[in-house]
PDB file of N, CA and C in Angstrom:
ATOM      1  N   MET A   1     111.686 -48.312 102.725  1.00  0.00           N
ATOM      2  CA  MET A   1     110.745 -47.386 102.176  1.00  0.00           C
ATOM      3  C   MET A   1     110.720 -46.119 103.030  1.00  0.00           C
ATOM      4  N   THR A   2     110.604 -44.958 102.389  1.00  0.00           N
ATOM      5  CA  THR A   2     110.568 -43.704 103.133  1.00  0.00           C
ATOM      6  C   THR A   2     109.128 -43.374 103.510  1.00  0.00           C
ATOM      7  N   GLU A   3     109.007 -42.807 104.684  1.00  0.00           N
ATOM      8  CA  GLU A   3     107.681 -42.418 105.148  1.00  0.00           C
ATOM      9  C   GLU A   3     107.358 -41.011 104.674  1.00  0.00           C
ATOM     10  N   VAL A   4     106.134 -40.796 104.298  1.00  0.00           N
ATOM     11  CA  VAL A   4     105.681 -39.472 103.900  1.00  0.00           C
ATOM     12  C   VAL A   4     105.154 -38.778 105.144  1.00  0.00           C
ATOM     13  N   THR A   5     105.741 -37.633 105.455  1.00  0.00           N
ATOM     14  CA  THR A   5     105.282 -36.895 106.626  1.00  0.00           C
ATOM     15  C   THR A   5     104.039 -36.094 106.267  1.00  0.00           C
ATOM     16  N   PRO A   6     103.096 -36.012 107.165  1.00  0.00           N
ATOM     17  CA  PRO A   6     101.874 -35.255 106.872  1.00  0.00           C
ATOM     18  C   PRO A   6     102.163 -33.754 106.801  1.00  0.00           C
ATOM     19  N   HIS A   7     101.364 -33.082 106.015  1.00  0.00           N
ATOM     20  CA  HIS A   7     101.499 -31.623 105.865  1.00  0.00           C
ATOM     21  C   HIS A   7     100.910 -30.932 107.094  1.00  0.00           C
ATOM     22  N   ILE A   8     101.747 -30.140 107.773  1.00  0.00           N
ATOM     23  CA  ILE A   8     101.289 -29.374 108.935  1.00  0.00           C
ATOM     24  C   ILE A   8     101.432 -27.888 108.569  1.00  0.00           C
ATOM     25  N   PRO A   9     100.333 -27.184 108.293  1.00  0.00           N
ATOM     26  CA  PRO A   9     100.417 -25.794 107.812  1.00  0.00           C
ATOM     27  C   PRO A   9     101.142 -24.841 108.745  1.00  0.00           C
ATOM     28  N   SER A  10     101.118 -25.101 110.057  1.00  0.00           N
ATOM     29  CA  SER A  10     101.750 -24.163 110.985  1.00  0.00           C
ATOM     30  C   SER A  10     103.222 -24.476 111.240  1.00  0.00           C
ATOM     31  N   LYS A  11     103.735 -25.549 110.648  1.00  0.00           N
ATOM     32  CA  LYS A  11     105.145 -25.893 110.813  1.00  0.00           C
ATOM     33  C   LYS A  11     105.950 -25.237 109.691  1.00  0.00           C
ATOM     34  N   PRO A  12     106.991 -24.460 110.024  1.00  0.00           N
ATOM     35  CA  PRO A  12     107.782 -23.769 108.997  1.00  0.00           C
ATOM     36  C   PRO A  12     108.461 -24.733 108.031  1.00  0.00           C
ATOM     37  N   ASP A  13     108.350 -24.447 106.737  1.00  0.00           N
ATOM     38  CA  ASP A  13     109.010 -25.206 105.679  1.00  0.00           C
ATOM     39  C   ASP A  13     109.318 -24.232 104.550  1.00  0.00           C
ATOM     40  N   LYS A  14     110.593 -23.893 104.381  1.00  0.00           N
ATOM     41  CA  LYS A  14     110.955 -22.887 103.378  1.00  0.00           C
ATOM     42  C   LYS A  14     110.832 -23.384 101.943  1.00  0.00           C
ATOM     43  N   ASN A  15     110.506 -24.659 101.763  1.00  0.00           N
ATOM     44  CA  ASN A  15     110.326 -25.193 100.418  1.00  0.00           C
ATOM     45  C   ASN A  15     108.877 -25.131  99.939  1.00  0.00           C
ATOM     46  N   LYS A  16     107.976 -24.677 100.811  1.00  0.00           N
ATOM     47  CA  LYS A  16     106.562 -24.593 100.450  1.00  0.00           C
ATOM     48  C   LYS A  16     106.114 -23.140 100.459  1.00  0.00           C
ATOM     49  N   PRO A  17     105.221 -22.777  99.535  1.00  0.00           N
ATOM     50  CA  PRO A  17     104.687 -21.408  99.549  1.00  0.00           C
ATOM     51  C   PRO A  17     104.007 -21.091 100.871  1.00  0.00           C
ATOM     52  N   TRP A  18     104.105 -19.836 101.253  1.00  0.00           N
ATOM     53  CA  TRP A  18     103.623 -19.370 102.554  1.00  0.00           C
ATOM     54  C   TRP A  18     102.772 -18.129 102.356  1.00  0.00           C
ATOM     55  N   CYS A  19     101.642 -18.065 103.038  1.00  0.00           N
ATOM     56  CA  CYS A  19     100.757 -16.901 102.946  1.00  0.00           C
ATOM     57  C   CYS A  19     101.095 -15.945 104.089  1.00  0.00           C
ATOM     58  N   PRO A  20     101.551 -14.723 103.778  1.00  0.00           N
ATOM     59  CA  PRO A  20     101.887 -13.776 104.839  1.00  0.00           C
ATOM     60  C   PRO A  20     100.658 -13.232 105.569  1.00  0.00           C
ATOM     61  N   ASP A  21      99.485 -13.322 104.968  1.00  0.00           N
ATOM     62  CA  ASP A  21      98.280 -12.841 105.636  1.00  0.00           C
ATOM     63  C   ASP A  21      97.757 -13.868 106.644  1.00  0.00           C
ATOM     64  N   CYS A  22      97.705 -15.140 106.232  1.00  0.00           N
ATOM     65  CA  CYS A  22      97.225 -16.200 107.123  1.00  0.00           C
ATOM     66  C   CYS A  22      98.325 -16.669 108.076  1.00  0.00           C
ATOM     67  N   LYS A  23      99.585 -16.408 107.715  1.00  0.00           N
ATOM     68  CA  LYS A  23     100.752 -16.883 108.472  1.00  0.00           C
ATOM     69  C   LYS A  23     100.730 -18.406 108.584  1.00  0.00           C
ATOM     70  N   LEU A  24     100.464 -19.064 107.440  1.00  0.00           N
ATOM     71  CA  LEU A  24     100.433 -20.519 107.351  1.00  0.00           C
ATOM     72  C   LEU A  24     100.882 -20.962 105.968  1.00  0.00           C
ATOM     73  N   HIS A  25     101.279 -22.228 105.871  1.00  0.00           N
ATOM     74  CA  HIS A  25     101.485 -22.851 104.562  1.00  0.00           C
ATOM     75  C   HIS A  25     100.120 -23.380 104.130  1.00  0.00           C
ATOM     76  N   THR A  26      99.384 -22.580 103.426  1.00  0.00           N
ATOM     77  CA  THR A  26      98.022 -22.951 103.031  1.00  0.00           C
ATOM     78  C   THR A  26      98.029 -23.607 101.656  1.00  0.00           C
ATOM     79  N   GLY A  27      96.878 -24.106 101.265  1.00  0.00           N
ATOM     80  CA  GLY A  27      96.711 -24.564  99.906  1.00  0.00           C
ATOM     81  C   GLY A  27      96.787 -23.361  98.980  1.00  0.00           C
ATOM     82  N   TYR A  28      97.174 -23.577  97.751  1.00  0.00           N
ATOM     83  CA  TYR A  28      97.331 -22.454  96.824  1.00  0.00           C
ATOM     84  C   TYR A  28      97.008 -22.897  95.403  1.00  0.00           C
ATOM     85  N   HIS A  29      96.736 -21.932  94.578  1.00  0.00           N
ATOM     86  CA  HIS A  29      96.455 -22.166  93.165  1.00  0.00           C
ATOM     87  C   HIS A  29      96.841 -20.904  92.389  1.00  0.00           C
ATOM     88  N   ARG A  30      96.828 -20.998  91.083  1.00  0.00           N
ATOM     89  CA  ARG A  30      97.071 -19.820  90.234  1.00  0.00           C
ATOM     90  C   ARG A  30      95.737 -19.298  89.736  1.00  0.00           C
ATOM     91  N   LYS A  31      95.610 -17.969  89.727  1.00  0.00           N
ATOM     92  CA  LYS A  31      94.357 -17.380  89.239  1.00  0.00           C
ATOM     93  C   LYS A  31      94.176 -17.654  87.756  1.00  0.00           C
ATOM     94  N   SER A  32      95.286 -17.644  87.016  1.00  0.00           N
ATOM     95  CA  SER A  32      95.262 -17.957  85.595  1.00  0.00           C
ATOM     96  C   SER A  32      96.549 -18.706  85.251  1.00  0.00           C
ATOM     97  N   PRO A  33      96.582 -19.423  84.136  1.00  0.00           N
ATOM     98  CA  PRO A  33      97.774 -20.208  83.796  1.00  0.00           C
ATOM     99  C   PRO A  33      99.042 -19.369  83.623  1.00  0.00           C
ATOM    100  N   ASP A  34      98.908 -18.106  83.239  1.00  0.00           N
ATOM    101  CA  ASP A  34     100.092 -17.268  83.027  1.00  0.00           C
ATOM    102  C   ASP A  34     100.397 -16.361  84.228  1.00  0.00           C
ATOM    103  N   SER A  35      99.742 -16.595  85.343  1.00  0.00           N
ATOM    104  CA  SER A  35      99.953 -15.790  86.542  1.00  0.00           C
ATOM    105  C   SER A  35     101.316 -16.096  87.153  1.00  0.00           C
ATOM    106  N   ALA A  36     101.986 -15.054  87.652  1.00  0.00           N
ATOM    107  CA  ALA A  36     103.310 -15.220  88.253  1.00  0.00           C
ATOM    108  C   ALA A  36     103.216 -15.603  89.726  1.00  0.00           C
ATOM    109  N   PHE A  37     102.106 -15.317  90.371  1.00  0.00           N
ATOM    110  CA  PHE A  37     101.961 -15.567  91.801  1.00  0.00           C
ATOM    111  C   PHE A  37     100.932 -16.656  92.064  1.00  0.00           C
ATOM    112  N   TYR A  38     101.118 -17.333  93.166  1.00  0.00           N
ATOM    113  CA  TYR A  38     100.113 -18.274  93.641  1.00  0.00           C
ATOM    114  C   TYR A  38      99.148 -17.521  94.541  1.00  0.00           C
ATOM    115  N   THR A  39      97.931 -18.011  94.622  1.00  0.00           N
ATOM    116  CA  THR A  39      96.896 -17.388  95.422  1.00  0.00           C
ATOM    117  C   THR A  39      96.509 -18.326  96.560  1.00  0.00           C
ATOM    118  N   CYS A  40      96.400 -17.761  97.755  1.00  0.00           N
ATOM    119  CA  CYS A  40      96.011 -18.534  98.941  1.00  0.00           C
ATOM    120  C   CYS A  40      94.559 -18.973  98.797  1.00  0.00           C
ATOM    121  N   GLU A  41      94.290 -20.226  99.126  1.00  0.00           N
ATOM    122  CA  GLU A  41      92.925 -20.734  99.025  1.00  0.00           C
ATOM    123  C   GLU A  41      92.052 -20.321 100.200  1.00  0.00           C
ATOM    124  N   ILE A  42      92.659 -19.794 101.274  1.00  0.00           N
ATOM    125  CA  ILE A  42      91.878 -19.380 102.434  1.00  0.00           C
ATOM    126  C   ILE A  42      91.486 -17.909 102.341  1.00  0.00           C
ATOM    127  N   CYS A  43      92.486 -17.026 102.167  1.00  0.00           N
ATOM    128  CA  CYS A  43      92.191 -15.587 102.189  1.00  0.00           C
ATOM    129  C   CYS A  43      92.189 -14.937 100.806  1.00  0.00           C
ATOM    130  N   GLY A  44      92.722 -15.616  99.783  1.00  0.00           N
ATOM    131  CA  GLY A  44      92.756 -15.049  98.438  1.00  0.00           C
ATOM    132  C   GLY A  44      93.943 -14.131  98.185  1.00  0.00           C
ATOM    133  N   GLY A  45      94.857 -14.000  99.156  1.00  0.00           N
ATOM    134  CA  GLY A  45      96.043 -13.166  98.985  1.00  0.00           C
ATOM    135  C   GLY A  45      97.158 -13.912  98.259  1.00  0.00           C
ATOM    136  N   ASN A  46      98.242 -13.195  97.946  1.00  0.00           N
ATOM    137  CA  ASN A  46      99.385 -13.819  97.290  1.00  0.00           C
ATOM    138  C   ASN A  46     100.163 -14.675  98.280  1.00  0.00           C
ATOM    139  N   THR A  47     100.583 -15.857  97.827  1.00  0.00           N
ATOM    140  CA  THR A  47     101.478 -16.688  98.622  1.00  0.00           C
ATOM    141  C   THR A  47     102.861 -16.591  97.996  1.00  0.00           C
ATOM    142  N   TRP A  48     103.886 -16.798  98.797  1.00  0.00           N
ATOM    143  CA  TRP A  48     105.265 -16.662  98.346  1.00  0.00           C
ATOM    144  C   TRP A  48     106.051 -17.881  98.763  1.00  0.00           C
ATOM    145  N   LYS A  49     106.968 -18.301  97.936  1.00  0.00           N
ATOM    146  CA  LYS A  49     107.930 -19.304  98.351  1.00  0.00           C
ATOM    147  C   LYS A  49     109.120 -18.519  98.890  1.00  0.00           C
ATOM    148  N   PRO A  50     109.463 -18.689 100.154  1.00  0.00           N
ATOM    149  CA  PRO A  50     110.552 -17.907 100.741  1.00  0.00           C
ATOM    150  C   PRO A  50     111.851 -18.068  99.952  1.00  0.00           C
ATOM    151  N   THR A  51     112.385 -16.956  99.486  1.00  0.00           N
ATOM    152  CA  THR A  51     113.587 -16.942  98.666  1.00  0.00           C
ATOM    153  C   THR A  51     114.576 -15.959  99.262  1.00  0.00           C
ATOM    154  N   LEU A  52     115.810 -16.392  99.421  1.00  0.00           N
ATOM    155  CA  LEU A  52     116.856 -15.533  99.954  1.00  0.00           C
ATOM    156  C   LEU A  52     117.029 -14.311  99.047  1.00  0.00           C
ATOM    157  N   PRO A  53     116.938 -13.082  99.571  1.00  0.00           N
ATOM    158  CA  PRO A  53     116.978 -11.894  98.728  1.00  0.00           C
ATOM    159  C   PRO A  53     118.376 -11.482  98.256  1.00  0.00           C
ATOM    160  N   ILE A  54     119.445 -11.976  98.862  1.00  0.00           N
ATOM    161  CA  ILE A  54     120.797 -11.532  98.506  1.00  0.00           C
ATOM    162  C   ILE A  54     121.166 -11.844  97.051  1.00  0.00           C
ATOM    163  N   PRO A  55     120.921 -13.061  96.518  1.00  0.00           N
ATOM    164  CA  PRO A  55     121.251 -13.294  95.104  1.00  0.00           C
ATOM    165  C   PRO A  55     120.496 -12.355  94.160  1.00  0.00           C
ATOM    166  N   LEU A  56     119.259 -12.046  94.485  1.00  0.00           N
ATOM    167  CA  LEU A  56     118.479 -11.119  93.670  1.00  0.00           C
ATOM    168  C   LEU A  56     119.117  -9.736  93.668  1.00  0.00           C
ATOM    169  N   LEU A  57     119.585  -9.295  94.818  1.00  0.00           N
ATOM    170  CA  LEU A  57     120.243  -7.997  94.923  1.00  0.00           C
ATOM    171  C   LEU A  57     121.535  -7.979  94.110  1.00  0.00           C
ATOM    172  N   ILE A  58     122.323  -9.036  94.189  1.00  0.00           N
ATOM    173  CA  ILE A  58     123.599  -9.091  93.465  1.00  0.00           C
ATOM    174  C   ILE A  58     123.368  -9.070  91.959  1.00  0.00           C
ATOM    175  N   VAL A  59     122.446  -9.880  91.468  1.00  0.00           N
ATOM    176  CA  VAL A  59     122.154  -9.910  90.030  1.00  0.00           C
ATOM    177  C   VAL A  59     121.625  -8.554  89.566  1.00  0.00           C
ATOM    178  N   SER A  60     120.786  -7.919  90.371  1.00  0.00           N
ATOM    179  CA  SER A  60     120.244  -6.608  90.016  1.00  0.00           C
ATOM    180  C   SER A  60     121.356  -5.572  89.899  1.00  0.00           C
ATOM    181  N   LEU A  61     122.254  -5.551  90.881  1.00  0.00           N
ATOM    182  CA  LEU A  61     123.359  -4.595  90.843  1.00  0.00           C
ATOM    183  C   LEU A  61     124.271  -4.835  89.645  1.00  0.00           C
ATOM    184  N   LEU A  62     124.559  -6.099  89.339  1.00  0.00           N
ATOM    185  CA  LEU A  62     125.400  -6.402  88.179  1.00  0.00           C
ATOM    186  C   LEU A  62     124.746  -5.963  86.875  1.00  0.00           C
ATOM    187  N   LEU A  63     123.452  -6.152  86.756  1.00  0.00           N
ATOM    188  CA  LEU A  63     122.741  -5.729  85.553  1.00  0.00           C
ATOM    189  C   LEU A  63     122.778  -4.215  85.395  1.00  0.00           C
ATOM    190  N   ILE A  64     122.560  -3.497  86.483  1.00  0.00           N
ATOM    191  CA  ILE A  64     122.572  -2.039  86.426  1.00  0.00           C
ATOM    192  C   ILE A  64     123.969  -1.523  86.101  1.00  0.00           C
ATOM    193  N   LEU A  65     124.989  -2.087  86.725  1.00  0.00           N
ATOM    194  CA  LEU A  65     126.367  -1.686  86.435  1.00  0.00           C
ATOM    195  C   LEU A  65     126.720  -1.966  84.978  1.00  0.00           C
ATOM    196  N   PHE A  66     126.248  -3.089  84.452  1.00  0.00           N
ATOM    197  CA  PHE A  66     126.489  -3.409  83.043  1.00  0.00           C
ATOM    198  C   PHE A  66     125.844  -2.366  82.136  1.00  0.00           C
ATOM    199  N   MET A  67     124.626  -1.964  82.442  1.00  0.00           N
ATOM    200  CA  MET A  67     123.947  -0.955  81.621  1.00  0.00           C
ATOM    201  C   MET A  67     124.682   0.380  81.667  1.00  0.00           C
ATOM    202  N   PHE A  68     125.126   0.783  82.850  1.00  0.00           N
ATOM    203  CA  PHE A  68     125.881   2.033  82.959  1.00  0.00           C
ATOM    204  C   PHE A  68     127.216   1.930  82.231  1.00  0.00           C
ATOM    205  N   PHE A  69     127.884   0.806  82.339  1.00  0.00           N
ATOM    206  CA  PHE A  69     129.156   0.626  81.645  1.00  0.00           C
ATOM    207  C   PHE A  69     128.953   0.704  80.141  1.00  0.00           C
ATOM    208  N   MET A  70     127.904   0.076  79.627  1.00  0.00           N
ATOM    209  CA  MET A  70     127.643   0.126  78.177  1.00  0.00           C
ATOM    210  C   MET A  70     127.355   1.555  77.733  1.00  0.00           C
ATOM    211  N   GLY A  71     126.590   2.297  78.528  1.00  0.00           N
ATOM    212  CA  GLY A  71     126.331   3.697  78.192  1.00  0.00           C
ATOM    213  C   GLY A  71     127.601   4.518  78.213  1.00  0.00           C
ATOM    214  N   TYR A  72     128.427   4.326  79.229  1.00  0.00           N
ATOM    215  CA  TYR A  72     129.705   5.048  79.331  1.00  0.00           C
ATOM    216  C   TYR A  72     130.591   4.730  78.136  1.00  0.00           C
ATOM    217  N   TYR A  73     130.692   3.455  77.785  1.00  0.00           N
ATOM    218  CA  TYR A  73     131.559   3.045  76.688  1.00  0.00           C
ATOM    219  C   TYR A  73     131.106   3.660  75.370  1.00  0.00           C
ATOM    220  N   VAL A  74     129.810   3.593  75.085  1.00  0.00           N
ATOM    221  CA  VAL A  74     129.304   4.114  73.817  1.00  0.00           C
ATOM    222  C   VAL A  74     129.482   5.626  73.737  1.00  0.00           C
ATOM    223  N   VAL A  75     129.207   6.332  74.839  1.00  0.00           N
ATOM    224  CA  VAL A  75     129.292   7.791  74.815  1.00  0.00           C
ATOM    225  C   VAL A  75     130.738   8.281  74.789  1.00  0.00           C
ATOM    226  N   PHE A  76     131.571   7.751  75.675  1.00  0.00           N
ATOM    227  CA  PHE A  76     132.910   8.319  75.822  1.00  0.00           C
ATOM    228  C   PHE A  76     133.989   7.642  74.993  1.00  0.00           C
ATOM    229  N   LYS A  77     133.849   6.395  74.659  1.00  0.00           N
ATOM    230  CA  LYS A  77     134.890   5.702  73.896  1.00  0.00           C
ATOM    231  C   LYS A  77     134.626   5.698  72.404  1.00  0.00           C
ATOM    232  N   THR A  78     133.364   5.684  71.997  1.00  0.00           N
ATOM    233  CA  THR A  78     133.062   5.679  70.566  1.00  0.00           C
ATOM    234  C   THR A  78     132.497   7.015  70.102  1.00  0.00           C
ATOM    235  N   ASP A  79     132.369   7.976  71.000  1.00  0.00           N
ATOM    236  CA  ASP A  79     131.843   9.313  70.685  1.00  0.00           C
ATOM    237  C   ASP A  79     130.479   9.258  69.993  1.00  0.00           C
ATOM    238  N   ASP A  80     129.625   8.386  70.448  1.00  0.00           N
ATOM    239  CA  ASP A  80     128.282   8.252  69.905  1.00  0.00           C
ATOM    240  C   ASP A  80     127.290   8.582  71.022  1.00  0.00           C
ATOM    241  N   LEU A  81     126.531   9.652  70.854  1.00  0.00           N
ATOM    242  CA  LEU A  81     125.619  10.101  71.903  1.00  0.00           C
ATOM    243  C   LEU A  81     124.374   9.227  72.051  1.00  0.00           C
ATOM    244  N   SER A  82     124.221   8.243  71.194  1.00  0.00           N
ATOM    245  CA  SER A  82     123.051   7.365  71.347  1.00  0.00           C
ATOM    246  C   SER A  82     123.156   6.516  72.617  1.00  0.00           C
ATOM    247  N   GLY A  83     124.329   6.380  73.174  1.00  0.00           N
ATOM    248  CA  GLY A  83     124.510   5.610  74.399  1.00  0.00           C
ATOM    249  C   GLY A  83     123.987   6.309  75.636  1.00  0.00           C
ATOM    250  N   VAL A  84     123.650   7.608  75.518  1.00  0.00           N
ATOM    251  CA  VAL A  84     123.131   8.358  76.658  1.00  0.00           C
ATOM    252  C   VAL A  84     121.838   7.733  77.178  1.00  0.00           C
ATOM    253  N   ILE A  85     121.094   7.082  76.298  1.00  0.00           N
ATOM    254  CA  ILE A  85     119.822   6.473  76.698  1.00  0.00           C
ATOM    255  C   ILE A  85     120.019   5.373  77.741  1.00  0.00           C
ATOM    256  N   MET A  86     121.208   4.796  77.809  1.00  0.00           N
ATOM    257  CA  MET A  86     121.464   3.713  78.764  1.00  0.00           C
ATOM    258  C   MET A  86     121.417   4.200  80.217  1.00  0.00           C
ATOM    259  N   PHE A  87     121.749   5.469  80.462  1.00  0.00           N
ATOM    260  CA  PHE A  87     121.751   5.975  81.832  1.00  0.00           C
ATOM    261  C   PHE A  87     120.328   6.054  82.418  1.00  0.00           C
ATOM    262  N   PRO A  88     119.375   6.693  81.725  1.00  0.00           N
ATOM    263  CA  PRO A  88     118.013   6.679  82.284  1.00  0.00           C
ATOM    264  C   PRO A  88     117.390   5.278  82.292  1.00  0.00           C
ATOM    265  N   LEU A  89     117.728   4.452  81.296  1.00  0.00           N
ATOM    266  CA  LEU A  89     117.224   3.077  81.306  1.00  0.00           C
ATOM    267  C   LEU A  89     117.783   2.307  82.497  1.00  0.00           C
ATOM    268  N   GLY A  90     119.039   2.537  82.821  1.00  0.00           N
ATOM    269  CA  GLY A  90     119.644   1.897  83.983  1.00  0.00           C
ATOM    270  C   GLY A  90     118.967   2.329  85.276  1.00  0.00           C
ATOM    271  N   LEU A  91     118.647   3.622  85.378  1.00  0.00           N
ATOM    272  CA  LEU A  91     117.951   4.121  86.566  1.00  0.00           C
ATOM    273  C   LEU A  91     116.541   3.534  86.670  1.00  0.00           C
ATOM    274  N   PHE A  92     115.852   3.476  85.536  1.00  0.00           N
ATOM    275  CA  PHE A  92     114.499   2.917  85.516  1.00  0.00           C
ATOM    276  C   PHE A  92     114.522   1.440  85.903  1.00  0.00           C
ATOM    277  N   ALA A  93     115.437   0.675  85.307  1.00  0.00           N
ATOM    278  CA  ALA A  93     115.554  -0.748  85.638  1.00  0.00           C
ATOM    279  C   ALA A  93     115.960  -0.923  87.097  1.00  0.00           C
ATOM    280  N   GLY A  94     116.845  -0.067  87.572  1.00  0.00           N
ATOM    281  CA  GLY A  94     117.297  -0.133  88.955  1.00  0.00           C
ATOM    282  C   GLY A  94     116.168   0.088  89.935  1.00  0.00           C
ATOM    283  N   ARG A  95     115.301   1.024  89.633  1.00  0.00           N
ATOM    284  CA  ARG A  95     114.156   1.295  90.514  1.00  0.00           C
ATOM    285  C   ARG A  95     113.235   0.079  90.592  1.00  0.00           C
ATOM    286  N   GLY A  96     112.923  -0.503  89.447  1.00  0.00           N
ATOM    287  CA  GLY A  96     112.060  -1.679  89.424  1.00  0.00           C
ATOM    288  C   GLY A  96     112.688  -2.872  90.124  1.00  0.00           C
ATOM    289  N   LEU A  97     113.973  -3.090  89.878  1.00  0.00           N
ATOM    290  CA  LEU A  97     114.654  -4.215  90.515  1.00  0.00           C
ATOM    291  C   LEU A  97     114.775  -4.007  92.022  1.00  0.00           C
ATOM    292  N   TYR A  98     114.991  -2.767  92.446  1.00  0.00           N
ATOM    293  CA  TYR A  98     115.085  -2.501  93.883  1.00  0.00           C
ATOM    294  C   TYR A  98     113.739  -2.737  94.564  1.00  0.00           C
ATOM    295  N   GLN A  99     112.649  -2.323  93.925  1.00  0.00           N
ATOM    296  CA  GLN A  99     111.327  -2.560  94.501  1.00  0.00           C
ATOM    297  C   GLN A  99     111.053  -4.059  94.631  1.00  0.00           C
ATOM    298  N   ASN A 100     111.472  -4.834  93.626  1.00  0.00           N
ATOM    299  CA  ASN A 100     111.315  -6.281  93.693  1.00  0.00           C
ATOM    300  C   ASN A 100     112.151  -6.856  94.834  1.00  0.00           C
ATOM    301  N   TYR A 101     113.378  -6.392  94.978  1.00  0.00           N
ATOM    302  CA  TYR A 101     114.251  -6.847  96.060  1.00  0.00           C
ATOM    303  C   TYR A 101     113.647  -6.492  97.427  1.00  0.00           C
ATOM    304  N   ALA A 102     113.165  -5.256  97.579  1.00  0.00           N
ATOM    305  CA  ALA A 102     112.620  -4.812  98.864  1.00  0.00           C
ATOM    306  C   ALA A 102     111.393  -5.636  99.249  1.00  0.00           C
ATOM    307  N   SER A 103     110.536  -5.941  98.292  1.00  0.00           N
ATOM    308  CA  SER A 103     109.360  -6.764  98.560  1.00  0.00           C
ATOM    309  C   SER A 103     109.773  -8.169  98.991  1.00  0.00           C
ATOM    310  N   ASN A 104     110.726  -8.737  98.277  1.00  0.00           N
ATOM    311  CA  ASN A 104     111.208 -10.078  98.614  1.00  0.00           C
ATOM    312  C   ASN A 104     111.883 -10.084  99.982  1.00  0.00           C
ATOM    313  N   ALA A 105     112.683  -9.065 100.285  1.00  0.00           N
ATOM    314  CA  ALA A 105     113.374  -8.997 101.575  1.00  0.00           C
ATOM    315  C   ALA A 105     112.377  -8.859 102.723  1.00  0.00           C
ATOM    316  N   GLN A 106     111.339  -8.067 102.531  1.00  0.00           N
ATOM    317  CA  GLN A 106     110.317  -7.908 103.566  1.00  0.00           C
ATOM    318  C   GLN A 106     109.607  -9.241 103.822  1.00  0.00           C
ATOM    319  N   HIS A 107     109.264  -9.948 102.757  1.00  0.00           N
ATOM    320  CA  HIS A 107     108.618 -11.246 102.911  1.00  0.00           C
ATOM    321  C   HIS A 107     109.555 -12.241 103.593  1.00  0.00           C
ATOM    322  N   TRP A 108     110.823 -12.226 103.212  1.00  0.00           N
ATOM    323  CA  TRP A 108     111.814 -13.129 103.809  1.00  0.00           C
ATOM    324  C   TRP A 108     111.915 -12.905 105.314  1.00  0.00           C
ATOM    325  N   ARG A 109     111.975 -11.630 105.718  1.00  0.00           N
ATOM    326  CA  ARG A 109     112.074 -11.312 107.152  1.00  0.00           C
ATOM    327  C   ARG A 109     110.814 -11.749 107.910  1.00  0.00           C
ATOM    328  N   SER A 110     109.645 -11.492 107.336  1.00  0.00           N
ATOM    329  CA  SER A 110     108.416 -11.862 108.031  1.00  0.00           C
ATOM    330  C   SER A 110     108.282 -13.384 108.126  1.00  0.00           C
ATOM    331  N   PHE A 111     108.703 -14.108 107.079  1.00  0.00           N
ATOM    332  CA  PHE A 111     108.654 -15.574 107.139  1.00  0.00           C
ATOM    333  C   PHE A 111     109.584 -16.090 108.231  1.00  0.00           C
ATOM    334  N   HIS A 112     110.808 -15.555 108.296  1.00  0.00           N
ATOM    335  CA  HIS A 112     111.755 -16.061 109.287  1.00  0.00           C
ATOM    336  C   HIS A 112     111.368 -15.681 110.713  1.00  0.00           C
ATOM    337  N   LYS A 113     110.747 -14.530 110.884  1.00  0.00           N
ATOM    338  CA  LYS A 113     110.244 -14.156 112.203  1.00  0.00           C
ATOM    339  C   LYS A 113     109.160 -15.149 112.634  1.00  0.00           C
ATOM    340  N   TRP A 114     108.245 -15.463 111.725  1.00  0.00           N
ATOM    341  CA  TRP A 114     107.186 -16.432 112.004  1.00  0.00           C
ATOM    342  C   TRP A 114     107.780 -17.825 112.238  1.00  0.00           C
ATOM    343  N   ALA A 115     108.754 -18.225 111.402  1.00  0.00           N
ATOM    344  CA  ALA A 115     109.354 -19.551 111.529  1.00  0.00           C
ATOM    345  C   ALA A 115     110.080 -19.709 112.861  1.00  0.00           C
ATOM    346  N   LYS A 116     110.772 -18.666 113.278  1.00  0.00           N
ATOM    347  CA  LYS A 116     111.499 -18.722 114.560  1.00  0.00           C
ATOM    348  C   LYS A 116     110.517 -18.910 115.713  1.00  0.00           C
ATOM    349  N   LYS A 117     109.390 -18.228 115.641  1.00  0.00           N
ATOM    350  CA  LYS A 117     108.380 -18.314 116.689  1.00  0.00           C
ATOM    351  C   LYS A 117     107.686 -19.678 116.706  1.00  0.00           C
ATOM    352  N   ASN A 118     107.574 -20.346 115.552  1.00  0.00           N
ATOM    353  CA  ASN A 118     106.822 -21.599 115.446  1.00  0.00           C
ATOM    354  C   ASN A 118     107.685 -22.846 115.334  1.00  0.00           C
ATOM    355  N   ARG A 119     108.984 -22.741 115.546  1.00  0.00           N
ATOM    356  CA  ARG A 119     109.820 -23.943 115.501  1.00  0.00           C
ATOM    357  C   ARG A 119     109.452 -24.883 116.636  1.00  0.00           C
ATOM    358  N   GLN A 120     109.482 -26.165 116.302  1.00  0.00           N
ATOM    359  CA  GLN A 120     109.105 -27.155 117.320  1.00  0.00           C
ATOM    360  C   GLN A 120     110.260 -28.058 117.638  1.00  0.00           C
TER     361      GLN A 120
END
């Protein structure tokens, strides 16, 4: 039989949500059923499950390149100017995806800095 290890909030575990404000693996809940983020039960801030930011960056870049390629193809290969809309849409999507990546990368770095300091 396997033993269940007790939950220690100050011990780093990348599989559990982490509160960057409390710097602990706290209890968490969702504010509403359709909420995208978990909420810390201690401070009320957002908790995050540490996620490597590199795959997010790669998928974002591929999506943006695909949008630009589709715009280029429609405008220059089929001589249809309706494809011009893909360029500003690509820039808009790129900005949003980059902000998401930057937020995730910042959280990833702060979690690993905390985890390195608290390894036992």
